[in-house]
């Protein structure tokens, strides 16, 4: 049986092989530690603040700005969505 070298996954950012000692996993892909950064602001990411999107990495802030809801009050920190119509609810006999 001929020798078959182990094939390592390729980093989506740089295209080079990723070895176990340097891998970070997100979105079903394996990345180098130094390639594991936001596509918009280049901030280094970790498992807490990463937001993967189609083989691209974003920090949660940049992901919200790019793919989150649009409009006044969205994408700039903690926005608030309300469903209050101003009506009272419950059984109110008068």
N, C-alpha and C. Protein backbone atom coordinates (compact mmCIF):
# COMPACT_ATOMS: atom_id res chain seq x y z
N UNK A 1 0.85 -1.17 0.00
CA UNK A 1 0.00 0.00 0.00
C UNK A 1 0.90 1.25 0.00
N UNK A 2 0.73 2.13 -0.97
CA UNK A 2 1.59 3.32 -1.05
C UNK A 2 1.26 4.33 0.05
N UNK A 3 2.26 5.11 0.39
CA UNK A 3 2.11 6.15 1.41
C UNK A 3 1.27 7.30 0.87
N UNK A 4 0.27 7.70 1.66
CA UNK A 4 -0.56 8.85 1.31
C UNK A 4 -0.37 9.92 2.37
N UNK A 5 0.14 11.08 2.00
CA UNK A 5 0.28 12.13 3.01
C UNK A 5 -1.08 12.64 3.47
N UNK A 6 -1.14 13.06 4.71
CA UNK A 6 -2.38 13.58 5.27
C UNK A 6 -2.66 14.94 4.63
N UNK A 7 -3.89 15.12 4.17
CA UNK A 7 -4.26 16.41 3.60
C UNK A 7 -4.87 17.28 4.69
N UNK A 8 -4.32 18.45 4.83
CA UNK A 8 -4.81 19.39 5.84
C UNK A 8 -5.79 20.36 5.19
N UNK A 9 -6.80 20.79 5.95
CA UNK A 9 -7.75 21.76 5.38
C UNK A 9 -7.05 23.08 5.06
N UNK A 10 -7.60 23.80 4.10
CA UNK A 10 -7.04 25.09 3.69
C UNK A 10 -7.78 26.22 4.40
N UNK A 11 -7.02 27.21 4.80
CA UNK A 11 -7.58 28.40 5.44
C UNK A 11 -8.33 29.22 4.38
N UNK A 12 -9.59 29.58 4.61
CA UNK A 12 -10.34 30.37 3.63
C UNK A 12 -9.76 31.77 3.40
N UNK A 13 -9.02 32.29 4.36
CA UNK A 13 -8.46 33.65 4.24
C UNK A 13 -7.21 33.68 3.36
N UNK A 14 -6.23 32.78 3.65
CA UNK A 14 -4.95 32.83 2.93
C UNK A 14 -4.76 31.67 1.96
N UNK A 15 -5.56 30.61 2.08
CA UNK A 15 -5.46 29.47 1.17
C UNK A 15 -4.38 28.47 1.50
N UNK A 16 -3.66 28.66 2.61
CA UNK A 16 -2.59 27.73 3.00
C UNK A 16 -3.14 26.67 3.95
N UNK A 17 -2.38 25.57 4.10
CA UNK A 17 -2.79 24.47 4.98
C UNK A 17 -2.84 24.92 6.44
N UNK A 18 -3.85 24.40 7.15
CA UNK A 18 -4.02 24.70 8.57
C UNK A 18 -3.70 23.44 9.36
N UNK A 19 -2.72 23.53 10.26
CA UNK A 19 -2.33 22.40 11.09
C UNK A 19 -3.02 22.50 12.45
N UNK A 20 -3.15 21.38 13.13
CA UNK A 20 -3.93 21.29 14.37
C UNK A 20 -3.45 22.28 15.43
N UNK A 21 -2.15 22.53 15.51
CA UNK A 21 -1.62 23.41 16.56
C UNK A 21 -2.01 24.88 16.36
N UNK A 22 -2.40 25.25 15.15
CA UNK A 22 -2.69 26.66 14.87
C UNK A 22 -4.12 26.91 14.43
N UNK A 23 -4.99 25.93 14.55
CA UNK A 23 -6.33 26.09 13.98
C UNK A 23 -7.32 26.76 14.92
N UNK A 24 -8.20 27.53 14.31
CA UNK A 24 -9.37 28.11 14.96
C UNK A 24 -10.54 27.68 14.08
N UNK A 25 -11.66 27.29 14.68
CA UNK A 25 -12.79 26.77 13.91
C UNK A 25 -13.99 27.70 14.06
N UNK A 26 -14.59 28.04 12.91
CA UNK A 26 -15.81 28.85 12.91
C UNK A 26 -16.51 28.68 11.58
N UNK A 27 -17.81 28.58 11.61
CA UNK A 27 -18.60 28.50 10.39
C UNK A 27 -18.32 27.26 9.55
N UNK A 28 -17.82 26.19 10.18
CA UNK A 28 -17.52 24.97 9.44
C UNK A 28 -16.17 24.99 8.74
N UNK A 29 -15.37 26.01 8.96
CA UNK A 29 -14.05 26.13 8.35
C UNK A 29 -12.98 26.19 9.42
N UNK A 30 -11.74 25.84 9.03
CA UNK A 30 -10.60 25.95 9.93
C UNK A 30 -9.72 27.09 9.44
N UNK A 31 -9.30 27.94 10.37
CA UNK A 31 -8.55 29.16 10.07
C UNK A 31 -7.24 29.16 10.84
N UNK A 32 -6.22 29.88 10.35
CA UNK A 32 -5.02 30.15 11.13
C UNK A 32 -5.38 31.15 12.22
N UNK A 33 -4.64 31.13 13.32
CA UNK A 33 -4.92 32.07 14.41
C UNK A 33 -4.80 33.52 13.95
N UNK A 34 -3.82 33.81 13.08
CA UNK A 34 -3.63 35.20 12.65
C UNK A 34 -4.50 35.57 11.46
N UNK A 35 -5.19 34.60 10.86
CA UNK A 35 -6.17 34.89 9.81
C UNK A 35 -7.57 35.02 10.41
N UNK A 36 -7.70 34.69 11.67
CA UNK A 36 -8.99 34.68 12.38
C UNK A 36 -9.30 36.10 12.84
N UNK A 37 -9.58 36.99 11.88
CA UNK A 37 -9.88 38.38 12.21
C UNK A 37 -11.02 38.90 11.35
N UNK A 38 -11.60 39.99 11.80
CA UNK A 38 -12.76 40.58 11.15
C UNK A 38 -12.41 41.08 9.75
N UNK A 39 -13.27 40.80 8.78
CA UNK A 39 -13.05 41.24 7.40
C UNK A 39 -13.19 42.75 7.24
N UNK A 40 -13.89 43.42 8.15
CA UNK A 40 -14.10 44.86 8.01
C UNK A 40 -13.09 45.69 8.83
N UNK A 41 -12.92 45.37 10.10
CA UNK A 41 -12.07 46.20 10.97
C UNK A 41 -10.73 45.55 11.30
N UNK A 42 -10.50 44.32 10.86
CA UNK A 42 -9.25 43.57 11.09
C UNK A 42 -8.94 43.29 12.56
N UNK A 43 -9.93 43.35 13.42
CA UNK A 43 -9.75 43.03 14.84
C UNK A 43 -9.58 41.52 14.98
N UNK A 44 -8.58 41.08 15.76
CA UNK A 44 -8.42 39.65 16.02
C UNK A 44 -9.62 39.15 16.81
N UNK A 45 -10.12 37.98 16.43
CA UNK A 45 -11.34 37.44 17.02
C UNK A 45 -11.05 36.24 17.90
N UNK A 46 -12.03 35.88 18.71
CA UNK A 46 -11.99 34.64 19.48
C UNK A 46 -13.38 34.01 19.40
N UNK A 47 -13.56 32.91 20.11
CA UNK A 47 -14.83 32.18 20.01
C UNK A 47 -16.02 32.96 20.56
N UNK A 48 -15.77 33.99 21.36
CA UNK A 48 -16.85 34.77 21.97
C UNK A 48 -17.38 35.85 21.04
N UNK A 49 -16.48 36.53 20.33
CA UNK A 49 -16.92 37.68 19.54
C UNK A 49 -16.93 37.45 18.03
N UNK A 50 -16.82 36.20 17.58
CA UNK A 50 -16.82 35.91 16.15
C UNK A 50 -18.25 35.74 15.64
N UNK A 51 -18.49 36.22 14.43
CA UNK A 51 -19.78 36.05 13.75
C UNK A 51 -19.48 35.63 12.31
N UNK A 52 -19.40 34.31 12.03
CA UNK A 52 -19.09 33.86 10.67
C UNK A 52 -20.26 34.08 9.72
N UNK A 53 -19.93 34.36 8.45
CA UNK A 53 -20.95 34.54 7.42
C UNK A 53 -20.36 34.11 6.09
N UNK A 54 -20.81 32.97 5.56
CA UNK A 54 -20.41 32.46 4.25
C UNK A 54 -18.90 32.51 4.03
N UNK A 55 -18.13 31.79 4.82
CA UNK A 55 -16.67 31.68 4.73
C UNK A 55 -15.96 33.02 4.95
N UNK A 56 -16.61 33.94 5.61
CA UNK A 56 -15.99 35.20 6.02
C UNK A 56 -16.23 35.40 7.50
N UNK A 57 -15.30 36.06 8.16
CA UNK A 57 -15.42 36.30 9.59
C UNK A 57 -15.64 37.78 9.87
N UNK A 58 -16.47 38.06 10.85
CA UNK A 58 -16.74 39.43 11.28
C UNK A 58 -16.81 39.44 12.80
N UNK A 59 -16.47 40.58 13.39
CA UNK A 59 -16.77 40.74 14.81
C UNK A 59 -18.27 41.01 14.90
N UNK A 60 -18.84 40.86 16.06
CA UNK A 60 -20.30 41.00 16.18
C UNK A 60 -20.77 42.40 15.80
N UNK A 61 -19.98 43.43 16.11
CA UNK A 61 -20.37 44.80 15.75
C UNK A 61 -20.42 44.98 14.24
N UNK A 62 -19.36 44.57 13.53
CA UNK A 62 -19.32 44.74 12.07
C UNK A 62 -20.36 43.87 11.38
N UNK A 63 -20.59 42.66 11.89
CA UNK A 63 -21.61 41.79 11.31
C UNK A 63 -22.98 42.43 11.42
N UNK A 64 -23.26 43.04 12.57
CA UNK A 64 -24.54 43.72 12.76
C UNK A 64 -24.70 44.90 11.81
N UNK A 65 -23.61 45.64 11.59
CA UNK A 65 -23.68 46.77 10.67
C UNK A 65 -23.91 46.32 9.23
N UNK A 66 -23.24 45.22 8.84
CA UNK A 66 -23.32 44.78 7.44
C UNK A 66 -24.57 43.97 7.13
N UNK A 67 -24.95 43.06 8.04
CA UNK A 67 -26.04 42.13 7.75
C UNK A 67 -27.25 42.29 8.66
N UNK A 68 -27.18 43.16 9.65
CA UNK A 68 -28.28 43.32 10.59
C UNK A 68 -29.41 44.16 10.02
N UNK A 69 -30.45 44.39 10.81
CA UNK A 69 -31.57 45.22 10.37
C UNK A 69 -31.10 46.63 10.05
N UNK A 70 -31.71 47.24 9.06
CA UNK A 70 -31.34 48.59 8.64
C UNK A 70 -32.40 49.58 9.12
N UNK A 71 -32.00 50.80 9.32
CA UNK A 71 -32.94 51.84 9.73
C UNK A 71 -32.44 52.58 10.94
N UNK A 72 -33.20 53.53 11.39
CA UNK A 72 -32.82 54.36 12.53
C UNK A 72 -32.76 53.51 13.78
N UNK A 73 -31.64 53.60 14.49
CA UNK A 73 -31.49 52.89 15.76
C UNK A 73 -30.96 51.48 15.63
N UNK A 74 -30.69 50.99 14.41
CA UNK A 74 -30.18 49.63 14.24
C UNK A 74 -28.73 49.67 13.80
N UNK A 75 -27.96 48.68 14.24
CA UNK A 75 -26.58 48.57 13.84
C UNK A 75 -25.63 49.48 14.61
N UNK A 76 -26.13 50.23 15.55
CA UNK A 76 -25.29 51.14 16.31
C UNK A 76 -25.37 50.81 17.79
N UNK A 77 -25.06 49.60 18.15
CA UNK A 77 -25.14 49.21 19.55
C UNK A 77 -26.41 48.43 19.82
N UNK A 78 -26.93 48.57 21.00
CA UNK A 78 -28.10 47.80 21.40
C UNK A 78 -29.37 48.52 20.97
N UNK A 79 -29.89 48.16 19.82
CA UNK A 79 -31.15 48.72 19.36
C UNK A 79 -32.30 48.02 20.05
N UNK A 80 -33.48 48.54 19.91
CA UNK A 80 -34.64 47.97 20.58
C UNK A 80 -35.78 47.87 19.58
N UNK A 81 -36.37 46.72 19.49
CA UNK A 81 -37.51 46.50 18.60
C UNK A 81 -38.73 46.29 19.48
N UNK A 82 -39.76 47.06 19.24
CA UNK A 82 -40.96 46.96 20.06
C UNK A 82 -42.14 46.51 19.22
N UNK A 83 -43.04 45.77 19.83
CA UNK A 83 -44.26 45.35 19.14
C UNK A 83 -45.48 45.94 19.84
N UNK A 84 -45.26 46.91 20.68
CA UNK A 84 -46.34 47.53 21.44
C UNK A 84 -47.21 48.38 20.51
N UNK A 85 -48.49 48.07 20.48
CA UNK A 85 -49.41 48.83 19.63
C UNK A 85 -50.17 49.88 20.43
N UNK A 86 -49.95 49.91 21.73
CA UNK A 86 -50.63 50.89 22.57
C UNK A 86 -51.97 50.41 23.09
N UNK A 87 -52.43 49.25 22.64
CA UNK A 87 -53.72 48.72 23.09
C UNK A 87 -53.55 47.99 24.41
N UNK A 88 -54.62 47.98 25.20
CA UNK A 88 -54.61 47.21 26.44
C UNK A 88 -54.94 45.76 26.10
N UNK A 89 -54.42 44.86 26.87
CA UNK A 89 -54.76 43.48 26.63
C UNK A 89 -55.30 42.85 27.90
N UNK A 90 -56.00 41.79 27.70
CA UNK A 90 -56.71 41.16 28.81
C UNK A 90 -58.19 41.43 28.66
N UNK A 91 -58.97 40.92 29.57
CA UNK A 91 -60.41 41.07 29.51
C UNK A 91 -60.80 42.30 30.32
N UNK A 92 -61.20 43.36 29.64
CA UNK A 92 -61.57 44.59 30.34
C UNK A 92 -63.04 44.90 30.07
N UNK A 93 -63.90 44.64 31.06
CA UNK A 93 -65.33 44.96 30.93
C UNK A 93 -65.54 46.38 31.41
N UNK A 94 -66.40 47.07 30.71
CA UNK A 94 -66.69 48.45 31.11
C UNK A 94 -68.15 48.69 31.24
